[in-house]
Amino acid sequence: MDEDKDFVVVTVSGDDRPRILAALTKILVDGKVELVDVEQATLQDFLGLSFLLDMTRP
């Protein structure tokens, strides 16, 4: 990975509901945070999300 970047991993888990991913990504976009990667897993009605964020500011 690029050593000049300031990466953060955020993990969210809980009950799966419609529009959770959309709501979280909207918060990131509004905050001008670059979403590098996202992984989503569901088991029954349980949701696990992991975000790799680039917090580097220009």
C-alpha atoms as a PDB file:
ATOM      1  CA  MET A   1       0.000   0.000   0.000  1.00  0.00           C
ATOM      2  CA  ASP A   2       1.013   3.589  -0.508  1.00  0.00           C
ATOM      3  CA  GLU A   3       2.889   4.857   2.572  1.00  0.00           C
ATOM      4  CA  ASP A   4       1.729   8.442   1.913  1.00  0.00           C
ATOM      5  CA  LYS A   5      -1.905   7.458   2.413  1.00  0.00           C
ATOM      6  CA  ASP A   6      -3.801   7.545   5.695  1.00  0.00           C
ATOM      7  CA  PHE A   7      -6.009   4.426   5.570  1.00  0.00           C
ATOM      8  CA  VAL A   8      -8.635   3.510   8.150  1.00  0.00           C
ATOM      9  CA  VAL A   9     -10.695   0.315   8.388  1.00  0.00           C
ATOM     10  CA  VAL A  10     -14.237   0.655   9.749  1.00  0.00           C
ATOM     11  CA  THR A  11     -16.295  -2.407  10.615  1.00  0.00           C
ATOM     12  CA  VAL A  12     -20.050  -2.281  11.192  1.00  0.00           C
ATOM     13  CA  SER A  13     -22.216  -5.207  12.246  1.00  0.00           C
ATOM     14  CA  GLY A  14     -25.773  -5.750  13.386  1.00  0.00           C
ATOM     15  CA  ASP A  15     -29.250  -6.551  12.171  1.00  0.00           C
ATOM     16  CA  ASP A  16     -29.597  -6.350   8.401  1.00  0.00           C
ATOM     17  CA  ARG A  17     -32.012  -3.655   7.247  1.00  0.00           C
ATOM     18  CA  PRO A  18     -32.760  -2.098   3.864  1.00  0.00           C
ATOM     19  CA  ARG A  19     -30.654   0.928   2.858  1.00  0.00           C
ATOM     20  CA  ILE A  20     -27.957   0.565   5.567  1.00  0.00           C
ATOM     21  CA  LEU A  21     -25.103   0.526   3.046  1.00  0.00           C
ATOM     22  CA  ALA A  22     -26.622   3.476   1.158  1.00  0.00           C
ATOM     23  CA  ALA A  23     -26.963   5.509   4.356  1.00  0.00           C
ATOM     24  CA  LEU A  24     -23.395   4.832   5.475  1.00  0.00           C
ATOM     25  CA  THR A  25     -21.868   5.603   2.080  1.00  0.00           C
ATOM     26  CA  LYS A  26     -23.855   8.859   1.907  1.00  0.00           C
ATOM     27  CA  ILE A  27     -22.282   9.930   5.204  1.00  0.00           C
ATOM     28  CA  LEU A  28     -18.837   9.179   3.787  1.00  0.00           C
ATOM     29  CA  VAL A  29     -19.506  11.031   0.527  1.00  0.00           C
ATOM     30  CA  ASP A  30     -20.905  14.047   2.385  1.00  0.00           C
ATOM     31  CA  GLY A  31     -17.732  14.055   4.503  1.00  0.00           C
ATOM     32  CA  LYS A  32     -15.571  13.865   1.371  1.00  0.00           C
ATOM     33  CA  VAL A  33     -14.005  10.586   2.531  1.00  0.00           C
ATOM     34  CA  GLU A  34     -12.686   8.331  -0.225  1.00  0.00           C
ATOM     35  CA  LEU A  35     -14.110   4.817  -0.070  1.00  0.00           C
ATOM     36  CA  VAL A  36     -11.321   2.539  -1.329  1.00  0.00           C
ATOM     37  CA  ASP A  37     -13.024  -0.820  -0.783  1.00  0.00           C
ATOM     38  CA  VAL A  38     -16.093  -2.316   0.875  1.00  0.00           C
ATOM     39  CA  GLU A  39     -16.940  -5.877   1.809  1.00  0.00           C
ATOM     40  CA  GLN A  40     -20.388  -7.028   2.825  1.00  0.00           C
ATOM     41  CA  ALA A  41     -21.466 -10.333   4.332  1.00  0.00           C
ATOM     42  CA  THR A  42     -24.843 -11.471   5.588  1.00  0.00           C
ATOM     43  CA  LEU A  43     -25.708 -14.505   7.642  1.00  0.00           C
ATOM     44  CA  GLN A  44     -29.419 -15.013   8.179  1.00  0.00           C
ATOM     45  CA  ASP A  45     -30.495 -11.448   9.125  1.00  0.00           C
ATOM     46  CA  PHE A  46     -27.090 -10.388  10.499  1.00  0.00           C
ATOM     47  CA  LEU A  47     -25.000  -7.911   8.493  1.00  0.00           C
ATOM     48  CA  GLY A  48     -21.245  -7.388   8.526  1.00  0.00           C
ATOM     49  CA  LEU A  49     -19.691  -4.467   6.638  1.00  0.00           C
ATOM     50  CA  SER A  50     -16.032  -3.501   6.370  1.00  0.00           C
ATOM     51  CA  PHE A  51     -14.908  -0.256   4.771  1.00  0.00           C
ATOM     52  CA  LEU A  52     -11.373   0.707   3.762  1.00  0.00           C
ATOM     53  CA  LEU A  53     -11.253   4.497   3.826  1.00  0.00           C
ATOM     54  CA  ASP A  54      -8.581   6.896   2.607  1.00  0.00           C
ATOM     55  CA  MET A  55      -8.526   9.736   5.108  1.00  0.00           C
ATOM     56  CA  THR A  56      -5.679  11.534   3.304  1.00  0.00           C
ATOM     57  CA  ARG A  57      -6.519  15.159   2.633  1.00  0.00           C
ATOM     58  CA  PRO A  58      -5.085  16.911  -0.440  1.00  0.00           C
END
